[in-house]
């Protein structure tokens, strides 16, 4: 008995946050239509790697921004506990 194949294409109605970001990147690099028509597996290794690289860079940048904002909050004088006069 053969297993049923998934339909070609991408279901845009139920996406995870990661898939939304990946689609945004796919649109930026010009492969959005290809992904919507054939799904993620229709991309070449180079295209997939590029999306993964950009996604990774964005995550690192986001972590750095969060770390900077936490550091900035800790260095603000007179804004909470730990400040002696």
PDB file of N, CA and C in Angstrom:
ATOM      1  N   UNK A   1       0.826  -1.172   0.000  1.00  0.00           N
ATOM      2  CA  UNK A   1       0.000   0.000   0.000  1.00  0.00           C
ATOM      3  C   UNK A   1       0.882   1.252   0.000  1.00  0.00           C
ATOM      4  N   UNK A   2       0.655   2.138  -0.909  1.00  0.00           N
ATOM      5  CA  UNK A   2       1.441   3.360  -1.016  1.00  0.00           C
ATOM      6  C   UNK A   2       0.919   4.416  -0.048  1.00  0.00           C
ATOM      7  N   UNK A   3       1.864   5.187   0.502  1.00  0.00           N
ATOM      8  CA  UNK A   3       1.457   6.275   1.377  1.00  0.00           C
ATOM      9  C   UNK A   3       1.087   7.488   0.526  1.00  0.00           C
ATOM     10  N   UNK A   4       0.164   8.253   1.021  1.00  0.00           N
ATOM     11  CA  UNK A   4      -0.291   9.435   0.283  1.00  0.00           C
ATOM     12  C   UNK A   4       0.782  10.513   0.324  1.00  0.00           C
ATOM     13  N   UNK A   5       1.068  11.111  -0.810  1.00  0.00           N
ATOM     14  CA  UNK A   5       2.032  12.194  -0.884  1.00  0.00           C
ATOM     15  C   UNK A   5       1.379  13.483  -0.427  1.00  0.00           C
ATOM     16  N   UNK A   6       2.186  14.333   0.171  1.00  0.00           N
ATOM     17  CA  UNK A   6       1.689  15.648   0.533  1.00  0.00           C
ATOM     18  C   UNK A   6       1.451  16.433  -0.748  1.00  0.00           C
ATOM     19  N   UNK A   7       0.440  17.288  -0.764  1.00  0.00           N
ATOM     20  CA  UNK A   7       0.229  18.104  -1.956  1.00  0.00           C
ATOM     21  C   UNK A   7       1.388  19.076  -2.155  1.00  0.00           C
ATOM     22  N   UNK A   8       1.685  19.358  -3.398  1.00  0.00           N
ATOM     23  CA  UNK A   8       2.754  20.303  -3.719  1.00  0.00           C
ATOM     24  C   UNK A   8       2.367  21.698  -3.243  1.00  0.00           C
ATOM     25  N   UNK A   9       3.357  22.489  -2.984  1.00  0.00           N
ATOM     26  CA  UNK A   9       3.113  23.871  -2.583  1.00  0.00           C
ATOM     27  C   UNK A   9       3.194  24.037  -1.080  1.00  0.00           C
ATOM     28  N   UNK A  10       2.900  25.238  -0.632  1.00  0.00           N
ATOM     29  CA  UNK A  10       3.024  25.591   0.766  1.00  0.00           C
ATOM     30  C   UNK A  10       1.700  26.129   1.263  1.00  0.00           C
ATOM     31  N   UNK A  11       1.263  25.662   2.404  1.00  0.00           N
ATOM     32  CA  UNK A  11       0.018  26.136   3.004  1.00  0.00           C
ATOM     33  C   UNK A  11       0.304  27.429   3.762  1.00  0.00           C
ATOM     34  N   UNK A  12      -0.157  28.531   3.238  1.00  0.00           N
ATOM     35  CA  UNK A  12       0.113  29.832   3.839  1.00  0.00           C
ATOM     36  C   UNK A  12      -0.846  30.183   4.968  1.00  0.00           C
ATOM     37  N   UNK A  13      -1.821  29.300   5.254  1.00  0.00           N
ATOM     38  CA  UNK A  13      -2.805  29.615   6.282  1.00  0.00           C
ATOM     39  C   UNK A  13      -2.312  29.309   7.690  1.00  0.00           C
ATOM     40  N   UNK A  14      -1.464  28.313   7.841  1.00  0.00           N
ATOM     41  CA  UNK A  14      -0.982  27.973   9.188  1.00  0.00           C
ATOM     42  C   UNK A  14       0.539  27.911   9.173  1.00  0.00           C
ATOM     43  N   UNK A  15       1.161  29.032   9.455  1.00  0.00           N
ATOM     44  CA  UNK A  15       2.614  29.127   9.440  1.00  0.00           C
ATOM     45  C   UNK A  15       3.143  29.395  10.843  1.00  0.00           C
ATOM     46  N   UNK A  16       4.293  28.829  11.151  1.00  0.00           N
ATOM     47  CA  UNK A  16       4.962  29.153  12.398  1.00  0.00           C
ATOM     48  C   UNK A  16       5.683  30.486  12.224  1.00  0.00           C
ATOM     49  N   UNK A  17       6.133  31.054  13.316  1.00  0.00           N
ATOM     50  CA  UNK A  17       6.872  32.320  13.249  1.00  0.00           C
ATOM     51  C   UNK A  17       8.146  32.145  12.426  1.00  0.00           C
ATOM     52  N   UNK A  18       8.808  31.005  12.592  1.00  0.00           N
ATOM     53  CA  UNK A  18      10.027  30.748  11.830  1.00  0.00           C
ATOM     54  C   UNK A  18       9.731  30.677  10.331  1.00  0.00           C
ATOM     55  N   UNK A  19       8.630  30.023   9.958  1.00  0.00           N
ATOM     56  CA  UNK A  19       8.264  29.950   8.542  1.00  0.00           C
ATOM     57  C   UNK A  19       7.942  31.331   7.974  1.00  0.00           C
ATOM     58  N   UNK A  20       7.327  32.178   8.779  1.00  0.00           N
ATOM     59  CA  UNK A  20       7.036  33.544   8.315  1.00  0.00           C
ATOM     60  C   UNK A  20       8.317  34.306   8.011  1.00  0.00           C
ATOM     61  N   UNK A  21       9.288  34.157   8.898  1.00  0.00           N
ATOM     62  CA  UNK A  21      10.575  34.833   8.692  1.00  0.00           C
ATOM     63  C   UNK A  21      11.285  34.255   7.476  1.00  0.00           C
ATOM     64  N   UNK A  22      11.249  32.929   7.344  1.00  0.00           N
ATOM     65  CA  UNK A  22      11.882  32.303   6.182  1.00  0.00           C
ATOM     66  C   UNK A  22      11.224  32.751   4.878  1.00  0.00           C
ATOM     67  N   UNK A  23       9.901  32.892   4.885  1.00  0.00           N
ATOM     68  CA  UNK A  23       9.211  33.376   3.681  1.00  0.00           C
ATOM     69  C   UNK A  23       9.590  34.822   3.371  1.00  0.00           C
ATOM     70  N   UNK A  24       9.755  35.624   4.419  1.00  0.00           N
ATOM     71  CA  UNK A  24      10.177  37.011   4.225  1.00  0.00           C
ATOM     72  C   UNK A  24      11.553  37.058   3.566  1.00  0.00           C
ATOM     73  N   UNK A  25      12.457  36.204   4.040  1.00  0.00           N
ATOM     74  CA  UNK A  25      13.800  36.133   3.462  1.00  0.00           C
ATOM     75  C   UNK A  25      13.727  35.613   2.022  1.00  0.00           C
ATOM     76  N   UNK A  26      12.886  34.602   1.788  1.00  0.00           N
ATOM     77  CA  UNK A  26      12.722  34.055   0.438  1.00  0.00           C
ATOM     78  C   UNK A  26      12.255  35.144  -0.519  1.00  0.00           C
ATOM     79  N   UNK A  27      11.370  36.002  -0.037  1.00  0.00           N
ATOM     80  CA  UNK A  27      10.894  37.106  -0.879  1.00  0.00           C
ATOM     81  C   UNK A  27      12.029  38.078  -1.183  1.00  0.00           C
ATOM     82  N   UNK A  28      12.864  38.349  -0.172  1.00  0.00           N
ATOM     83  CA  UNK A  28      13.994  39.264  -0.355  1.00  0.00           C
ATOM     84  C   UNK A  28      14.985  38.750  -1.395  1.00  0.00           C
ATOM     85  N   UNK A  29      15.218  37.439  -1.410  1.00  0.00           N
ATOM     86  CA  UNK A  29      16.216  36.909  -2.348  1.00  0.00           C
ATOM     87  C   UNK A  29      15.592  36.443  -3.662  1.00  0.00           C
ATOM     88  N   UNK A  30      14.276  36.588  -3.789  1.00  0.00           N
ATOM     89  CA  UNK A  30      13.627  36.330  -5.069  1.00  0.00           C
ATOM     90  C   UNK A  30      13.161  34.916  -5.337  1.00  0.00           C
ATOM     91  N   UNK A  31      12.964  34.103  -4.307  1.00  0.00           N
ATOM     92  CA  UNK A  31      12.513  32.737  -4.530  1.00  0.00           C
ATOM     93  C   UNK A  31      11.134  32.464  -3.897  1.00  0.00           C
ATOM     94  N   UNK A  32      10.438  33.503  -3.486  1.00  0.00           N
ATOM     95  CA  UNK A  32       9.147  33.360  -2.823  1.00  0.00           C
ATOM     96  C   UNK A  32       8.149  32.580  -3.678  1.00  0.00           C
ATOM     97  N   UNK A  33       8.007  32.954  -4.932  1.00  0.00           N
ATOM     98  CA  UNK A  33       7.054  32.277  -5.814  1.00  0.00           C
ATOM     99  C   UNK A  33       7.384  30.799  -5.973  1.00  0.00           C
ATOM    100  N   UNK A  34       8.664  30.498  -6.038  1.00  0.00           N
ATOM    101  CA  UNK A  34       9.116  29.114  -6.173  1.00  0.00           C
ATOM    102  C   UNK A  34       8.720  28.304  -4.927  1.00  0.00           C
ATOM    103  N   UNK A  35       8.873  28.894  -3.745  1.00  0.00           N
ATOM    104  CA  UNK A  35       8.534  28.211  -2.496  1.00  0.00           C
ATOM    105  C   UNK A  35       7.029  28.004  -2.391  1.00  0.00           C
ATOM    106  N   UNK A  36       6.259  29.028  -2.736  1.00  0.00           N
ATOM    107  CA  UNK A  36       4.801  28.917  -2.649  1.00  0.00           C
ATOM    108  C   UNK A  36       4.294  27.850  -3.616  1.00  0.00           C
ATOM    109  N   UNK A  37       4.866  27.785  -4.798  1.00  0.00           N
ATOM    110  CA  UNK A  37       4.411  26.833  -5.799  1.00  0.00           C
ATOM    111  C   UNK A  37       4.821  25.400  -5.484  1.00  0.00           C
ATOM    112  N   UNK A  38       6.055  25.209  -5.011  1.00  0.00           N
ATOM    113  CA  UNK A  38       6.554  23.850  -4.855  1.00  0.00           C
ATOM    114  C   UNK A  38       6.966  23.446  -3.458  1.00  0.00           C
ATOM    115  N   UNK A  39       6.867  24.344  -2.499  1.00  0.00           N
ATOM    116  CA  UNK A  39       7.286  24.028  -1.138  1.00  0.00           C
ATOM    117  C   UNK A  39       8.777  24.246  -0.955  1.00  0.00           C
ATOM    118  N   UNK A  40       9.225  24.049   0.280  1.00  0.00           N
ATOM    119  CA  UNK A  40      10.633  24.300   0.596  1.00  0.00           C
ATOM    120  C   UNK A  40      11.559  23.334  -0.122  1.00  0.00           C
ATOM    121  N   UNK A  41      11.092  22.125  -0.388  1.00  0.00           N
ATOM    122  CA  UNK A  41      11.977  21.120  -0.987  1.00  0.00           C
ATOM    123  C   UNK A  41      12.325  21.415  -2.451  1.00  0.00           C
ATOM    124  N   UNK A  42      11.637  22.344  -3.075  1.00  0.00           N
ATOM    125  CA  UNK A  42      11.946  22.656  -4.470  1.00  0.00           C
ATOM    126  C   UNK A  42      13.141  23.600  -4.602  1.00  0.00           C
ATOM    127  N   UNK A  43      13.632  24.118  -3.486  1.00  0.00           N
ATOM    128  CA  UNK A  43      14.778  25.025  -3.537  1.00  0.00           C
ATOM    129  C   UNK A  43      16.073  24.242  -3.715  1.00  0.00           C
ATOM    130  N   UNK A  44      17.030  24.881  -4.340  1.00  0.00           N
ATOM    131  CA  UNK A  44      18.347  24.263  -4.466  1.00  0.00           C
ATOM    132  C   UNK A  44      19.056  24.363  -3.117  1.00  0.00           C
ATOM    133  N   UNK A  45      20.124  23.616  -2.976  1.00  0.00           N
ATOM    134  CA  UNK A  45      20.903  23.651  -1.738  1.00  0.00           C
ATOM    135  C   UNK A  45      21.459  25.055  -1.512  1.00  0.00           C
ATOM    136  N   UNK A  46      21.840  25.697  -2.568  1.00  0.00           N
ATOM    137  CA  UNK A  46      22.393  27.048  -2.463  1.00  0.00           C
ATOM    138  C   UNK A  46      21.342  28.033  -1.949  1.00  0.00           C
ATOM    139  N   UNK A  47      20.127  27.942  -2.499  1.00  0.00           N
ATOM    140  CA  UNK A  47      19.048  28.836  -2.067  1.00  0.00           C
ATOM    141  C   UNK A  47      18.663  28.564  -0.618  1.00  0.00           C
ATOM    142  N   UNK A  48      18.569  27.291  -0.252  1.00  0.00           N
ATOM    143  CA  UNK A  48      18.235  26.924   1.128  1.00  0.00           C
ATOM    144  C   UNK A  48      19.312  27.404   2.089  1.00  0.00           C
ATOM    145  N   UNK A  49      20.550  27.229   1.703  1.00  0.00           N
ATOM    146  CA  UNK A  49      21.663  27.665   2.536  1.00  0.00           C
ATOM    147  C   UNK A  49      21.689  29.165   2.713  1.00  0.00           C
ATOM    148  N   UNK A  50      21.354  29.872   1.667  1.00  0.00           N
ATOM    149  CA  UNK A  50      21.325  31.335   1.764  1.00  0.00           C
ATOM    150  C   UNK A  50      20.245  31.788   2.734  1.00  0.00           C
ATOM    151  N   UNK A  51      19.069  31.167   2.639  1.00  0.00           N
ATOM    152  CA  UNK A  51      17.975  31.495   3.566  1.00  0.00           C
ATOM    153  C   UNK A  51      18.409  31.173   4.994  1.00  0.00           C
ATOM    154  N   UNK A  52      19.015  30.002   5.202  1.00  0.00           N
ATOM    155  CA  UNK A  52      19.472  29.618   6.530  1.00  0.00           C
ATOM    156  C   UNK A  52      20.538  30.552   7.074  1.00  0.00           C
ATOM    157  N   UNK A  53      21.433  30.993   6.224  1.00  0.00           N
ATOM    158  CA  UNK A  53      22.484  31.915   6.646  1.00  0.00           C
ATOM    159  C   UNK A  53      21.928  33.263   7.064  1.00  0.00           C
ATOM    160  N   UNK A  54      20.995  33.776   6.283  1.00  0.00           N
ATOM    161  CA  UNK A  54      20.385  35.065   6.609  1.00  0.00           C
ATOM    162  C   UNK A  54      19.565  34.940   7.893  1.00  0.00           C
ATOM    163  N   UNK A  55      18.837  33.833   8.039  1.00  0.00           N
ATOM    164  CA  UNK A  55      18.046  33.589   9.239  1.00  0.00           C
ATOM    165  C   UNK A  55      18.956  33.535  10.475  1.00  0.00           C
ATOM    166  N   UNK A  56      20.068  32.850  10.364  1.00  0.00           N
ATOM    167  CA  UNK A  56      21.022  32.748  11.458  1.00  0.00           C
ATOM    168  C   UNK A  56      21.590  34.113  11.823  1.00  0.00           C
ATOM    169  N   UNK A  57      21.943  34.897  10.823  1.00  0.00           N
ATOM    170  CA  UNK A  57      22.484  36.244  11.072  1.00  0.00           C
ATOM    171  C   UNK A  57      21.459  37.110  11.782  1.00  0.00           C
ATOM    172  N   UNK A  58      20.204  37.035  11.363  1.00  0.00           N
ATOM    173  CA  UNK A  58      19.149  37.831  12.018  1.00  0.00           C
ATOM    174  C   UNK A  58      18.970  37.423  13.474  1.00  0.00           C
ATOM    175  N   UNK A  59      19.035  36.125  13.746  1.00  0.00           N
ATOM    176  CA  UNK A  59      18.904  35.668  15.135  1.00  0.00           C
ATOM    177  C   UNK A  59      20.044  36.190  15.994  1.00  0.00           C
ATOM    178  N   UNK A  60      21.282  36.137  15.468  1.00  0.00           N
ATOM    179  CA  UNK A  60      22.427  36.662  16.215  1.00  0.00           C
ATOM    180  C   UNK A  60      22.269  38.146  16.483  1.00  0.00           C
ATOM    181  N   UNK A  61      21.821  38.893  15.475  1.00  0.00           N
ATOM    182  CA  UNK A  61      21.632  40.328  15.640  1.00  0.00           C
ATOM    183  C   UNK A  61      20.556  40.630  16.673  1.00  0.00           C
ATOM    184  N   UNK A  62      19.485  39.845  16.669  1.00  0.00           N
ATOM    185  CA  UNK A  62      18.408  40.036  17.633  1.00  0.00           C
ATOM    186  C   UNK A  62      18.900  39.759  19.050  1.00  0.00           C
ATOM    187  N   UNK A  63      19.679  38.691  19.225  1.00  0.00           N
ATOM    188  CA  UNK A  63      20.235  38.393  20.552  1.00  0.00           C
ATOM    189  C   UNK A  63      21.161  39.518  21.012  1.00  0.00           C
ATOM    190  N   UNK A  64      21.944  40.063  20.086  1.00  0.00           N
ATOM    191  CA  UNK A  64      22.852  41.160  20.436  1.00  0.00           C
ATOM    192  C   UNK A  64      22.064  42.401  20.843  1.00  0.00           C
ATOM    193  N   UNK A  65      20.982  42.696  20.117  1.00  0.00           N
ATOM    194  CA  UNK A  65      20.133  43.854  20.472  1.00  0.00           C
ATOM    195  C   UNK A  65      19.535  43.682  21.858  1.00  0.00           C
ATOM    196  N   UNK A  66      19.058  42.472  22.154  1.00  0.00           N
ATOM    197  CA  UNK A  66      18.464  42.217  23.472  1.00  0.00           C
ATOM    198  C   UNK A  66      19.511  42.371  24.562  1.00  0.00           C
ATOM    199  N   UNK A  67      20.717  41.871  24.316  1.00  0.00           N
ATOM    200  CA  UNK A  67      21.791  41.984  25.300  1.00  0.00           C
ATOM    201  C   UNK A  67      22.156  43.449  25.522  1.00  0.00           C
ATOM    202  N   UNK A  68      22.187  44.242  24.461  1.00  0.00           N
ATOM    203  CA  UNK A  68      22.488  45.668  24.586  1.00  0.00           C
ATOM    204  C   UNK A  68      21.422  46.380  25.398  1.00  0.00           C
ATOM    205  N   UNK A  69      20.161  46.062  25.163  1.00  0.00           N
ATOM    206  CA  UNK A  69      19.088  46.738  25.888  1.00  0.00           C
ATOM    207  C   UNK A  69      19.118  46.364  27.370  1.00  0.00           C
ATOM    208  N   UNK A  70      19.469  45.112  27.682  1.00  0.00           N
ATOM    209  CA  UNK A  70      19.583  44.702  29.081  1.00  0.00           C
ATOM    210  C   UNK A  70      20.750  45.435  29.735  1.00  0.00           C
ATOM    211  N   UNK A  71      21.887  45.530  29.032  1.00  0.00           N
ATOM    212  CA  UNK A  71      23.044  46.246  29.565  1.00  0.00           C
ATOM    213  C   UNK A  71      22.729  47.718  29.783  1.00  0.00           C
ATOM    214  N   UNK A  72      22.018  48.331  28.855  1.00  0.00           N
ATOM    215  CA  UNK A  72      21.672  49.739  28.966  1.00  0.00           C
ATOM    216  C   UNK A  72      20.754  49.977  30.163  1.00  0.00           C
ATOM    217  N   UNK A  73      19.809  49.061  30.408  1.00  0.00           N
ATOM    218  CA  UNK A  73      18.904  49.201  31.541  1.00  0.00           C
ATOM    219  C   UNK A  73      19.666  49.084  32.857  1.00  0.00           C
ATOM    220  N   UNK A  74      20.664  48.210  32.902  1.00  0.00           N
ATOM    221  CA  UNK A  74      21.449  48.017  34.124  1.00  0.00           C
ATOM    222  C   UNK A  74      22.327  49.222  34.418  1.00  0.00           C
ATOM    223  N   UNK A  75      22.724  49.982  33.401  1.00  0.00           N
ATOM    224  CA  UNK A  75      23.640  51.091  33.590  1.00  0.00           C
ATOM    225  C   UNK A  75      22.947  52.423  33.829  1.00  0.00           C
ATOM    226  N   UNK A  76      21.606  52.452  33.742  1.00  0.00           N
ATOM    227  CA  UNK A  76      20.887  53.705  33.943  1.00  0.00           C
ATOM    228  C   UNK A  76      20.898  54.069  35.434  1.00  0.00           C
ATOM    229  N   UNK A  77      21.440  55.235  35.790  1.00  0.00           N
ATOM    230  CA  UNK A  77      21.509  55.612  37.201  1.00  0.00           C
ATOM    231  C   UNK A  77      20.137  56.047  37.739  1.00  0.00           C
ATOM    232  N   UNK A  78      19.893  55.711  39.007  1.00  0.00           N
ATOM    233  CA  UNK A  78      18.685  56.168  39.671  1.00  0.00           C
ATOM    234  C   UNK A  78      17.412  55.496  39.233  1.00  0.00           C
ATOM    235  N   UNK A  79      17.501  54.333  38.618  1.00  0.00           N
ATOM    236  CA  UNK A  79      16.289  53.671  38.114  1.00  0.00           C
ATOM    237  C   UNK A  79      16.041  52.362  38.820  1.00  0.00           C
ATOM    238  N   UNK A  80      16.117  52.339  40.128  1.00  0.00           N
ATOM    239  CA  UNK A  80      15.777  51.090  40.806  1.00  0.00           C
ATOM    240  C   UNK A  80      16.748  50.729  41.886  1.00  0.00           C
ATOM    241  N   UNK A  81      16.649  49.483  42.308  1.00  0.00           N
ATOM    242  CA  UNK A  81      17.468  48.978  43.417  1.00  0.00           C
ATOM    243  C   UNK A  81      18.941  48.962  43.050  1.00  0.00           C
ATOM    244  N   UNK A  82      19.760  48.999  44.089  1.00  0.00           N
ATOM    245  CA  UNK A  82      21.185  48.918  43.850  1.00  0.00           C
ATOM    246  C   UNK A  82      21.854  50.267  43.683  1.00  0.00           C
ATOM    247  N   UNK A  83      21.086  51.343  43.744  1.00  0.00           N
ATOM    248  CA  UNK A  83      21.647  52.676  43.587  1.00  0.00           C
ATOM    249  C   UNK A  83      21.819  53.256  44.980  1.00  0.00           C
ATOM    250  N   UNK A  84      23.035  53.594  45.344  1.00  0.00           N
ATOM    251  CA  UNK A  84      23.284  54.170  46.659  1.00  0.00           C
ATOM    252  C   UNK A  84      23.557  55.658  46.519  1.00  0.00           C
ATOM    253  N   UNK A  85      23.132  56.377  47.529  1.00  0.00           N
ATOM    254  CA  UNK A  85      23.352  57.841  47.504  1.00  0.00           C
ATOM    255  C   UNK A  85      24.198  58.262  48.640  1.00  0.00           C
TER     256      UNK A  85
END
